[in-house]
Each structure stands twice: as C-alpha cells, then as structure tokens.
Amino acid sequence: MRNGTLRRLNADGIHRLTLDELSPKYPDLQLTDAEMDALTDVWHRLPAWPDADQAILRLRSGYTVVVLTVLSFSIVVDSSKFSLLDWDGIISCEFLQHYKPDLDAYLDGLELLGVEPREAMMVAAHPWDLKAAQEAGLATAYVPRPLERGPATQFEATLPDVDVNARDFTDLADQLLA
C-alpha cells in the first residue's frame, strides 16, 4: 500500500487477502469462504499479554496511554474488550494517510493528540517501530515479547539506543512511575 501497488485496505482486508493468496499453496487445507472469514476474525479475539492490563491501568494514573497501531480500529476495539484493556485512546493507521513505520504516521498520531514529539514516548517490542519513532522525535521504551513469534524466536533482551529498557510491562510501569 505504501508504494501504491496494493489498493488501500485495513488490517482485516490485508489478513483476508493474505489467506486468499496463501490458500492455493496448501491444497490439503481447503477452507470455505465462511471458514476463511472466521479465521480472519480470530484477530478480533487476540488475548493481551498477561502483564499488560494492570500495567496500563497503573500507567494511566500518570500518563495518557494511547495505542498507535497498524491494526484496524475494529480489531483493537474488539481485542481490547476481549482482554479487558482500558486505553485512553486508540489511533489506527487506517485513519491516517500513513502506516508505520512512515514518520508521518507517528507525527499525525501526535497531532491528533495535540502533543509534540518531545512530549511522547513510543512503547514497543519491535525495534523497527522504535527506530522510526525516534526519527520522529519521540522518546522510546522497549518491552521485549520473547514468545511473540513462538519459543524458538530470537529476540534482543535490551536495545542500546532506547530511553527505557523494560523486562515486561510491569517493569515499564515501575520505571516510569518511580
């Protein structure tokens, strides 16, 4: 989408398009359209990380906690309700003209909040996301999610160029609220 070769889709559309493209590669796995829709809908019931809900509540006592996500608004609303997450706000890149890691996605999100980059911090588990946020002028906090892509996935326990390295969301809240 960023380079214009794919029509504008939100994350739900991209997930379904990906299933449509992958399904012919797995002929033993024949799914009906209804099953493909149900599989796409699983994203709306993603469970939150176990340490996230209480850390978000704690962080909201001293900060405005807003999600800036490439996921669709409906995925984040539904999965937040499913996991009982209580954000101050949700900004989906589907509302912006830019998707992360484009710098304008971060800057446009901040403009919606009425804050300057120096007044904000991006918290993420993805080094590419933090790098782009830094380039946009935000402070950054790294919270690794070692099991995000399965137990065999390699990940960095800390990153050298971020403002805060936290072991988990509880540790992040402890550090930021100290």
N, C-alpha and C. Protein backbone atom coordinates (compact mmCIF):
# COMPACT_ATOMS: atom_id res chain seq x y z
N MET A 1 0.82 -1.19 0.00
CA MET A 1 0.00 0.00 0.00
C MET A 1 0.86 1.25 0.00
N ARG A 2 1.98 1.18 0.74
CA ARG A 2 2.83 2.37 0.83
C ARG A 2 3.36 2.81 -0.53
N ASN A 3 3.64 1.84 -1.41
CA ASN A 3 4.19 2.23 -2.71
C ASN A 3 3.12 2.29 -3.80
N GLY A 4 1.86 2.07 -3.42
CA GLY A 4 0.77 2.23 -4.36
C GLY A 4 0.43 1.02 -5.20
N THR A 5 1.08 -0.12 -4.98
CA THR A 5 0.79 -1.31 -5.79
C THR A 5 -0.41 -2.10 -5.26
N LEU A 6 -0.81 -1.82 -4.05
CA LEU A 6 -1.97 -2.50 -3.46
C LEU A 6 -3.00 -1.45 -3.07
N ARG A 7 -4.25 -1.71 -3.43
CA ARG A 7 -5.30 -0.76 -3.04
C ARG A 7 -5.36 -0.63 -1.53
N ARG A 8 -5.86 0.48 -1.06
CA ARG A 8 -5.91 0.75 0.37
C ARG A 8 -6.85 -0.25 1.06
N LEU A 9 -6.30 -0.95 2.03
CA LEU A 9 -7.06 -1.92 2.83
C LEU A 9 -6.70 -1.71 4.29
N ASN A 10 -7.64 -2.02 5.18
CA ASN A 10 -7.27 -2.03 6.59
C ASN A 10 -6.70 -3.41 6.91
N ALA A 11 -6.31 -3.61 8.15
CA ALA A 11 -5.66 -4.87 8.53
C ALA A 11 -6.56 -6.07 8.30
N ASP A 12 -7.87 -5.91 8.51
CA ASP A 12 -8.79 -7.03 8.25
C ASP A 12 -8.72 -7.45 6.79
N GLY A 13 -8.73 -6.47 5.90
CA GLY A 13 -8.65 -6.75 4.48
C GLY A 13 -7.32 -7.39 4.10
N ILE A 14 -6.24 -6.92 4.69
CA ILE A 14 -4.92 -7.48 4.40
C ILE A 14 -4.82 -8.92 4.91
N HIS A 15 -5.36 -9.17 6.09
CA HIS A 15 -5.34 -10.53 6.62
C HIS A 15 -6.10 -11.49 5.71
N ARG A 16 -7.28 -11.06 5.26
CA ARG A 16 -8.08 -11.93 4.38
C ARG A 16 -7.38 -12.10 3.03
N LEU A 17 -6.84 -11.02 2.48
CA LEU A 17 -6.12 -11.10 1.20
C LEU A 17 -4.94 -12.07 1.31
N THR A 18 -4.25 -12.02 2.43
CA THR A 18 -3.12 -12.93 2.64
C THR A 18 -3.59 -14.38 2.68
N LEU A 19 -4.69 -14.64 3.37
CA LEU A 19 -5.24 -16.01 3.37
C LEU A 19 -5.61 -16.45 1.96
N ASP A 20 -6.25 -15.55 1.20
CA ASP A 20 -6.63 -15.88 -0.17
C ASP A 20 -5.41 -16.21 -1.02
N GLU A 21 -4.31 -15.48 -0.80
CA GLU A 21 -3.09 -15.73 -1.56
C GLU A 21 -2.37 -17.00 -1.12
N LEU A 22 -2.42 -17.31 0.18
CA LEU A 22 -1.72 -18.48 0.70
C LEU A 22 -2.47 -19.79 0.48
N SER A 23 -3.78 -19.75 0.47
CA SER A 23 -4.56 -20.99 0.42
C SER A 23 -4.23 -21.88 -0.78
N PRO A 24 -3.99 -21.36 -1.99
CA PRO A 24 -3.63 -22.27 -3.09
C PRO A 24 -2.29 -22.99 -2.88
N LYS A 25 -1.43 -22.43 -2.04
CA LYS A 25 -0.14 -23.07 -1.78
C LYS A 25 -0.27 -24.27 -0.85
N TYR A 26 -1.43 -24.43 -0.22
CA TYR A 26 -1.67 -25.53 0.71
C TYR A 26 -2.94 -26.27 0.28
N PRO A 27 -2.85 -27.05 -0.80
CA PRO A 27 -4.06 -27.70 -1.34
C PRO A 27 -4.72 -28.68 -0.37
N ASP A 28 -3.96 -29.21 0.59
CA ASP A 28 -4.56 -30.14 1.56
C ASP A 28 -5.44 -29.40 2.57
N LEU A 29 -5.27 -28.12 2.65
CA LEU A 29 -6.06 -27.31 3.57
C LEU A 29 -7.09 -26.52 2.76
N GLN A 30 -8.22 -27.12 2.56
CA GLN A 30 -9.28 -26.48 1.79
C GLN A 30 -10.28 -25.83 2.75
N LEU A 31 -10.35 -24.51 2.71
CA LEU A 31 -11.26 -23.78 3.58
C LEU A 31 -12.34 -23.10 2.75
N THR A 32 -13.55 -23.10 3.28
CA THR A 32 -14.65 -22.39 2.62
C THR A 32 -14.47 -20.89 2.88
N ASP A 33 -15.23 -20.09 2.15
CA ASP A 33 -15.19 -18.64 2.39
C ASP A 33 -15.58 -18.32 3.83
N ALA A 34 -16.57 -19.03 4.35
CA ALA A 34 -17.01 -18.78 5.73
C ALA A 34 -15.89 -19.13 6.72
N GLU A 35 -15.18 -20.21 6.45
CA GLU A 35 -14.05 -20.58 7.32
C GLU A 35 -12.91 -19.57 7.22
N MET A 36 -12.68 -19.06 6.00
CA MET A 36 -11.64 -18.03 5.83
C MET A 36 -12.03 -16.77 6.58
N ASP A 37 -13.31 -16.40 6.52
CA ASP A 37 -13.78 -15.23 7.26
C ASP A 37 -13.61 -15.44 8.76
N ALA A 38 -13.95 -16.64 9.23
CA ALA A 38 -13.81 -16.94 10.66
C ALA A 38 -12.35 -16.90 11.09
N LEU A 39 -11.46 -17.41 10.25
CA LEU A 39 -10.03 -17.37 10.57
C LEU A 39 -9.53 -15.93 10.60
N THR A 40 -9.96 -15.12 9.66
CA THR A 40 -9.59 -13.70 9.65
C THR A 40 -10.10 -13.01 10.92
N ASP A 41 -11.27 -13.40 11.37
CA ASP A 41 -11.90 -12.78 12.54
C ASP A 41 -11.19 -13.12 13.85
N VAL A 42 -10.33 -14.13 13.86
CA VAL A 42 -9.60 -14.51 15.07
C VAL A 42 -8.81 -13.32 15.61
N TRP A 43 -8.31 -12.46 14.72
CA TRP A 43 -7.55 -11.29 15.15
C TRP A 43 -8.36 -10.42 16.13
N HIS A 44 -9.66 -10.45 16.04
CA HIS A 44 -10.51 -9.64 16.92
C HIS A 44 -10.60 -10.20 18.33
N ARG A 45 -10.06 -11.39 18.54
CA ARG A 45 -10.08 -12.02 19.86
C ARG A 45 -8.67 -12.34 20.34
N LEU A 46 -7.71 -11.55 19.90
CA LEU A 46 -6.34 -11.76 20.35
C LEU A 46 -6.24 -11.46 21.84
N PRO A 47 -5.73 -12.38 22.62
CA PRO A 47 -5.56 -12.07 24.05
C PRO A 47 -4.38 -11.13 24.25
N ALA A 48 -4.51 -10.27 25.22
CA ALA A 48 -3.42 -9.36 25.57
C ALA A 48 -2.34 -10.14 26.32
N TRP A 49 -1.14 -9.57 26.35
CA TRP A 49 -0.09 -10.15 27.18
C TRP A 49 -0.56 -10.10 28.63
N PRO A 50 -0.31 -11.14 29.41
CA PRO A 50 -0.83 -11.21 30.77
C PRO A 50 -0.45 -10.03 31.67
N ASP A 51 0.68 -9.39 31.41
CA ASP A 51 1.13 -8.29 32.25
C ASP A 51 0.62 -6.93 31.77
N ALA A 52 -0.11 -6.90 30.67
CA ALA A 52 -0.48 -5.61 30.06
C ALA A 52 -1.61 -4.88 30.80
N ASP A 53 -2.67 -5.57 31.16
CA ASP A 53 -3.85 -4.87 31.68
C ASP A 53 -3.55 -4.07 32.95
N GLN A 54 -2.89 -4.67 33.91
CA GLN A 54 -2.61 -3.95 35.16
C GLN A 54 -1.57 -2.86 34.95
N ALA A 55 -0.60 -3.11 34.08
CA ALA A 55 0.41 -2.08 33.80
C ALA A 55 -0.22 -0.87 33.12
N ILE A 56 -1.14 -1.12 32.19
CA ILE A 56 -1.82 0.01 31.53
C ILE A 56 -2.61 0.82 32.54
N LEU A 57 -3.32 0.16 33.41
CA LEU A 57 -4.08 0.88 34.45
C LEU A 57 -3.15 1.72 35.31
N ARG A 58 -2.03 1.16 35.71
CA ARG A 58 -1.06 1.91 36.52
C ARG A 58 -0.51 3.10 35.73
N LEU A 59 -0.12 2.86 34.49
CA LEU A 59 0.45 3.94 33.67
C LEU A 59 -0.56 5.06 33.43
N ARG A 60 -1.83 4.74 33.31
CA ARG A 60 -2.85 5.76 33.11
C ARG A 60 -2.97 6.70 34.31
N SER A 61 -2.47 6.29 35.47
CA SER A 61 -2.53 7.17 36.63
C SER A 61 -1.58 8.36 36.48
N GLY A 62 -0.58 8.24 35.62
CA GLY A 62 0.36 9.34 35.45
C GLY A 62 0.56 9.79 34.02
N TYR A 63 0.01 9.03 33.08
CA TYR A 63 0.23 9.31 31.66
C TYR A 63 -1.06 9.07 30.88
N THR A 64 -1.12 9.66 29.71
CA THR A 64 -2.16 9.33 28.75
C THR A 64 -1.63 8.16 27.94
N VAL A 65 -2.38 7.07 27.91
CA VAL A 65 -1.93 5.84 27.25
C VAL A 65 -2.81 5.61 26.02
N VAL A 66 -2.19 5.76 24.85
CA VAL A 66 -2.91 5.64 23.59
C VAL A 66 -2.17 4.66 22.69
N VAL A 67 -2.90 3.85 22.00
CA VAL A 67 -2.34 2.90 21.05
C VAL A 67 -2.23 3.56 19.69
N LEU A 68 -1.06 3.42 19.05
CA LEU A 68 -0.89 3.77 17.64
C LEU A 68 -0.58 2.46 16.95
N THR A 69 -1.50 1.98 16.13
CA THR A 69 -1.39 0.63 15.60
C THR A 69 -1.63 0.55 14.11
N VAL A 70 -1.02 -0.44 13.48
CA VAL A 70 -1.31 -0.73 12.08
C VAL A 70 -2.54 -1.63 11.96
N LEU A 71 -3.00 -2.17 13.07
CA LEU A 71 -4.21 -2.99 13.04
C LEU A 71 -5.43 -2.10 12.82
N SER A 72 -6.51 -2.70 12.37
CA SER A 72 -7.73 -1.93 12.15
C SER A 72 -8.30 -1.48 13.49
N PHE A 73 -9.06 -0.41 13.44
CA PHE A 73 -9.72 0.09 14.64
C PHE A 73 -10.60 -1.00 15.25
N SER A 74 -11.33 -1.72 14.40
CA SER A 74 -12.22 -2.74 14.94
C SER A 74 -11.46 -3.88 15.60
N ILE A 75 -10.31 -4.26 15.07
CA ILE A 75 -9.51 -5.31 15.73
C ILE A 75 -9.09 -4.84 17.11
N VAL A 76 -8.60 -3.62 17.23
CA VAL A 76 -8.10 -3.14 18.53
C VAL A 76 -9.25 -2.96 19.51
N VAL A 77 -10.38 -2.44 19.06
CA VAL A 77 -11.54 -2.31 19.96
C VAL A 77 -11.98 -3.69 20.45
N ASP A 78 -12.17 -4.60 19.51
CA ASP A 78 -12.65 -5.93 19.89
C ASP A 78 -11.66 -6.69 20.77
N SER A 79 -10.38 -6.68 20.40
CA SER A 79 -9.40 -7.42 21.19
C SER A 79 -9.18 -6.74 22.55
N SER A 80 -9.31 -5.42 22.61
CA SER A 80 -9.20 -4.73 23.91
C SER A 80 -10.36 -5.10 24.82
N LYS A 81 -11.55 -5.15 24.27
CA LYS A 81 -12.71 -5.58 25.07
C LYS A 81 -12.55 -7.03 25.51
N PHE A 82 -12.08 -7.87 24.59
CA PHE A 82 -11.88 -9.28 24.87
C PHE A 82 -10.92 -9.48 26.04
N SER A 83 -9.88 -8.63 26.12
CA SER A 83 -8.86 -8.74 27.18
C SER A 83 -9.04 -7.74 28.30
N LEU A 84 -10.12 -6.99 28.28
CA LEU A 84 -10.43 -6.01 29.32
C LEU A 84 -9.35 -4.94 29.46
N LEU A 85 -8.79 -4.50 28.32
CA LEU A 85 -7.80 -3.42 28.33
C LEU A 85 -8.52 -2.08 28.31
N ASP A 86 -8.00 -1.15 29.07
CA ASP A 86 -8.64 0.15 29.20
C ASP A 86 -7.66 1.25 28.80
N TRP A 87 -7.68 1.62 27.52
CA TRP A 87 -6.81 2.66 27.00
C TRP A 87 -7.45 4.03 27.17
N ASP A 88 -6.65 5.08 27.06
CA ASP A 88 -7.20 6.43 26.96
C ASP A 88 -7.66 6.70 25.54
N GLY A 89 -7.08 6.01 24.57
CA GLY A 89 -7.47 6.20 23.19
C GLY A 89 -6.82 5.19 22.27
N ILE A 90 -7.37 5.11 21.07
CA ILE A 90 -6.85 4.21 20.04
C ILE A 90 -6.71 5.02 18.76
N ILE A 91 -5.52 4.97 18.18
CA ILE A 91 -5.31 5.57 16.86
C ILE A 91 -4.87 4.45 15.94
N SER A 92 -5.71 4.16 14.97
CA SER A 92 -5.37 3.16 13.97
C SER A 92 -4.82 3.89 12.75
N CYS A 93 -3.76 3.35 12.20
CA CYS A 93 -3.18 3.94 10.99
C CYS A 93 -4.18 3.94 9.83
N GLU A 94 -5.24 3.11 9.93
CA GLU A 94 -6.22 3.12 8.86
C GLU A 94 -6.93 4.47 8.77
N PHE A 95 -6.89 5.28 9.84
CA PHE A 95 -7.49 6.62 9.81
C PHE A 95 -6.52 7.67 9.27
N LEU A 96 -5.25 7.32 9.25
CA LEU A 96 -4.22 8.24 8.80
C LEU A 96 -3.92 7.95 7.33
N GLN A 97 -3.21 8.81 6.71
CA GLN A 97 -2.81 8.56 5.32
C GLN A 97 -1.49 7.79 5.26
N HIS A 98 -0.98 7.40 6.42
CA HIS A 98 0.32 6.75 6.50
C HIS A 98 0.26 5.60 7.48
N TYR A 99 1.05 4.57 7.19
CA TYR A 99 1.19 3.43 8.08
C TYR A 99 2.59 3.40 8.66
N LYS A 100 2.71 2.97 9.91
CA LYS A 100 4.04 2.79 10.48
C LYS A 100 4.81 1.82 9.60
N PRO A 101 6.07 2.03 9.37
CA PRO A 101 6.97 2.95 10.04
C PRO A 101 7.17 4.30 9.35
N ASP A 102 6.25 4.72 8.49
CA ASP A 102 6.36 6.06 7.91
C ASP A 102 6.33 7.09 9.03
N LEU A 103 7.27 8.01 9.01
CA LEU A 103 7.36 9.02 10.08
C LEU A 103 6.06 9.79 10.24
N ASP A 104 5.37 10.04 9.13
CA ASP A 104 4.13 10.80 9.22
C ASP A 104 3.05 10.08 10.02
N ALA A 105 3.10 8.76 10.11
CA ALA A 105 2.13 8.04 10.94
C ALA A 105 2.28 8.45 12.40
N TYR A 106 3.51 8.53 12.86
CA TYR A 106 3.78 8.92 14.25
C TYR A 106 3.41 10.39 14.46
N LEU A 107 3.84 11.23 13.52
CA LEU A 107 3.59 12.67 13.65
C LEU A 107 2.10 13.00 13.55
N ASP A 108 1.39 12.35 12.65
CA ASP A 108 -0.05 12.57 12.53
C ASP A 108 -0.79 12.09 13.77
N GLY A 109 -0.35 10.96 14.32
CA GLY A 109 -0.95 10.47 15.56
C GLY A 109 -0.77 11.46 16.70
N LEU A 110 0.44 12.02 16.81
CA LEU A 110 0.70 13.02 17.85
C LEU A 110 -0.13 14.27 17.64
N GLU A 111 -0.29 14.66 16.38
CA GLU A 111 -1.10 15.85 16.09
C GLU A 111 -2.54 15.64 16.55
N LEU A 112 -3.08 14.43 16.34
CA LEU A 112 -4.43 14.14 16.82
C LEU A 112 -4.53 14.28 18.34
N LEU A 113 -3.44 13.96 19.02
CA LEU A 113 -3.42 14.06 20.49
C LEU A 113 -3.10 15.47 20.98
N GLY A 114 -2.60 16.31 20.07
CA GLY A 114 -2.24 17.68 20.46
C GLY A 114 -0.96 17.75 21.27
N VAL A 115 -0.03 16.83 20.99
CA VAL A 115 1.23 16.84 21.71
C VAL A 115 2.39 16.88 20.73
N GLU A 116 3.50 17.39 21.20
CA GLU A 116 4.74 17.44 20.42
C GLU A 116 5.49 16.12 20.60
N PRO A 117 6.33 15.76 19.63
CA PRO A 117 7.09 14.51 19.77
C PRO A 117 7.89 14.43 21.06
N ARG A 118 8.45 15.54 21.52
CA ARG A 118 9.26 15.53 22.74
C ARG A 118 8.41 15.24 23.99
N GLU A 119 7.09 15.31 23.85
CA GLU A 119 6.18 15.07 24.97
C GLU A 119 5.63 13.64 24.98
N ALA A 120 6.10 12.82 24.06
CA ALA A 120 5.51 11.49 23.90
C ALA A 120 6.58 10.40 23.91
N MET A 121 6.13 9.20 24.21
CA MET A 121 7.00 8.04 24.21
C MET A 121 6.31 6.90 23.46
N MET A 122 7.05 6.27 22.57
CA MET A 122 6.57 5.06 21.91
C MET A 122 7.07 3.87 22.70
N VAL A 123 6.15 3.01 23.08
CA VAL A 123 6.48 1.77 23.77
C VAL A 123 6.21 0.64 22.79
N ALA A 124 7.21 -0.18 22.54
CA ALA A 124 7.03 -1.24 21.54
C ALA A 124 7.99 -2.39 21.78
N ALA A 125 7.66 -3.51 21.16
CA ALA A 125 8.52 -4.69 21.19
C ALA A 125 9.29 -4.86 19.89
N HIS A 126 9.04 -3.97 18.95
CA HIS A 126 9.64 -4.09 17.63
C HIS A 126 10.69 -3.00 17.42
N PRO A 127 11.95 -3.38 17.26
CA PRO A 127 13.00 -2.38 17.06
C PRO A 127 12.73 -1.44 15.89
N TRP A 128 12.14 -1.93 14.80
CA TRP A 128 11.85 -1.06 13.65
C TRP A 128 10.87 0.05 14.02
N ASP A 129 9.91 -0.28 14.88
CA ASP A 129 8.91 0.70 15.32
C ASP A 129 9.57 1.76 16.20
N LEU A 130 10.42 1.33 17.09
CA LEU A 130 11.12 2.26 17.98
C LEU A 130 12.09 3.15 17.20
N LYS A 131 12.76 2.59 16.23
CA LYS A 131 13.69 3.38 15.42
C LYS A 131 12.94 4.49 14.69
N ALA A 132 11.83 4.15 14.08
CA ALA A 132 11.04 5.15 13.36
C ALA A 132 10.49 6.20 14.31
N ALA A 133 10.04 5.78 15.50
CA ALA A 133 9.54 6.74 16.49
C ALA A 133 10.64 7.69 16.92
N GLN A 134 11.84 7.18 17.11
CA GLN A 134 12.97 8.05 17.46
C GLN A 134 13.23 9.06 16.35
N GLU A 135 13.19 8.61 15.11
CA GLU A 135 13.41 9.51 13.99
C GLU A 135 12.35 10.61 13.93
N ALA A 136 11.16 10.30 14.46
CA ALA A 136 10.08 11.29 14.52
C ALA A 136 10.21 12.19 15.75
N GLY A 137 11.19 11.90 16.62
CA GLY A 137 11.44 12.75 17.78
C GLY A 137 10.83 12.27 19.09
N LEU A 138 10.29 11.07 19.12
CA LEU A 138 9.68 10.54 20.35
C LEU A 138 10.73 9.87 21.21
N ALA A 139 10.49 9.87 22.52
CA ALA A 139 11.25 9.02 23.42
C ALA A 139 10.78 7.59 23.15
N THR A 140 11.59 6.62 23.55
CA THR A 140 11.23 5.23 23.26
C THR A 140 11.46 4.32 24.46
N ALA A 141 10.60 3.31 24.54
CA ALA A 141 10.74 2.27 25.57
C ALA A 141 10.57 0.92 24.90
N TYR A 142 11.50 0.03 25.18
CA TYR A 142 11.49 -1.31 24.61
C TYR A 142 11.00 -2.29 25.65
N VAL A 143 9.96 -3.04 25.28
CA VAL A 143 9.44 -4.11 26.12
C VAL A 143 9.44 -5.38 25.27
N PRO A 144 10.45 -6.23 25.45
CA PRO A 144 10.53 -7.43 24.61
C PRO A 144 9.39 -8.40 24.90
N ARG A 145 8.96 -9.06 23.88
CA ARG A 145 7.93 -10.10 23.98
C ARG A 145 8.55 -11.38 23.41
N PRO A 146 9.32 -12.09 24.22
CA PRO A 146 10.09 -13.24 23.73
C PRO A 146 9.25 -14.31 23.05
N LEU A 147 8.01 -14.48 23.41
CA LEU A 147 7.20 -15.55 22.84
C LEU A 147 6.27 -15.07 21.72
N GLU A 148 6.45 -13.83 21.28
CA GLU A 148 5.55 -13.26 20.28
C GLU A 148 5.45 -14.12 19.03
N ARG A 149 6.54 -14.67 18.61
CA ARG A 149 6.53 -15.47 17.37
C ARG A 149 6.93 -16.93 17.65
N GLY A 150 6.67 -17.38 18.85
CA GLY A 150 6.96 -18.76 19.19
C GLY A 150 8.22 -18.89 20.02
N PRO A 151 8.40 -20.04 20.68
CA PRO A 151 9.50 -20.21 21.61
C PRO A 151 10.89 -20.23 20.97
N ALA A 152 10.99 -20.51 19.69
CA ALA A 152 12.31 -20.59 19.05
C ALA A 152 12.77 -19.25 18.47
N THR A 153 11.96 -18.22 18.59
CA THR A 153 12.28 -16.92 18.00
C THR A 153 13.41 -16.23 18.76
N GLN A 154 14.33 -15.68 18.01
CA GLN A 154 15.41 -14.89 18.61
C GLN A 154 14.91 -13.47 18.86
N PHE A 155 15.32 -12.88 19.96
CA PHE A 155 14.94 -11.51 20.26
C PHE A 155 16.04 -10.87 21.08
N GLU A 156 16.05 -9.56 21.08
CA GLU A 156 17.01 -8.80 21.88
C GLU A 156 16.40 -8.57 23.26
N ALA A 157 17.15 -8.86 24.31
CA ALA A 157 16.66 -8.63 25.68
C ALA A 157 16.63 -7.14 25.99
N THR A 158 17.57 -6.40 25.42
CA THR A 158 17.61 -4.94 25.57
C THR A 158 18.06 -4.35 24.24
N LEU A 159 17.77 -3.07 24.07
CA LEU A 159 18.24 -2.35 22.89
C LEU A 159 19.11 -1.21 23.36
N PRO A 160 20.23 -0.95 22.67
CA PRO A 160 21.17 0.06 23.15
C PRO A 160 20.71 1.51 22.99
N ASP A 161 19.86 1.80 22.03
CA ASP A 161 19.57 3.19 21.71
C ASP A 161 18.19 3.67 22.15
N VAL A 162 17.56 3.00 23.09
CA VAL A 162 16.24 3.45 23.56
C VAL A 162 16.39 4.16 24.89
N ASP A 163 15.35 4.90 25.26
CA ASP A 163 15.38 5.63 26.53
C ASP A 163 15.13 4.73 27.72
N VAL A 164 14.28 3.72 27.53
CA VAL A 164 13.93 2.80 28.62
C VAL A 164 13.94 1.37 28.08
N ASN A 165 14.64 0.49 28.75
CA ASN A 165 14.55 -0.94 28.50
C ASN A 165 13.81 -1.54 29.69
N ALA A 166 12.75 -2.27 29.42
CA ALA A 166 11.97 -2.89 30.49
C ALA A 166 11.88 -4.38 30.24
N ARG A 167 11.89 -5.17 31.31
CA ARG A 167 11.78 -6.62 31.18
C ARG A 167 10.38 -7.03 30.69
N ASP A 168 9.37 -6.27 31.16
CA ASP A 168 7.98 -6.55 30.82
C ASP A 168 7.18 -5.28 31.12
N PHE A 169 5.87 -5.34 30.94
CA PHE A 169 5.05 -4.14 31.15
C PHE A 169 5.01 -3.71 32.61
N THR A 170 5.06 -4.66 33.52
CA THR A 170 5.10 -4.32 34.94
C THR A 170 6.37 -3.53 35.25
N ASP A 171 7.50 -3.99 34.74
CA ASP A 171 8.77 -3.28 34.93
C ASP A 171 8.71 -1.89 34.28
N LEU A 172 8.08 -1.79 33.12
CA LEU A 172 7.94 -0.48 32.47
C LEU A 172 7.17 0.48 33.38
N ALA A 173 6.06 0.03 33.91
CA ALA A 173 5.26 0.88 34.82
C ALA A 173 6.08 1.25 36.04
N ASP A 174 6.80 0.29 36.61
CA ASP A 174 7.65 0.57 37.78
C ASP A 174 8.66 1.66 37.45
N GLN A 175 9.31 1.56 36.29
CA GLN A 175 10.33 2.55 35.92
C GLN A 175 9.73 3.92 35.64
N LEU A 176 8.64 3.97 34.92
CA LEU A 176 8.07 5.27 34.54
C LEU A 176 7.32 5.95 35.67
N LEU A 177 6.85 5.20 36.63
CA LEU A 177 6.09 5.79 37.74
C LEU A 177 6.94 5.99 38.99
N ALA A 178 8.22 5.64 38.91
CA ALA A 178 9.10 5.76 40.08
C ALA A 178 9.30 7.21 40.45
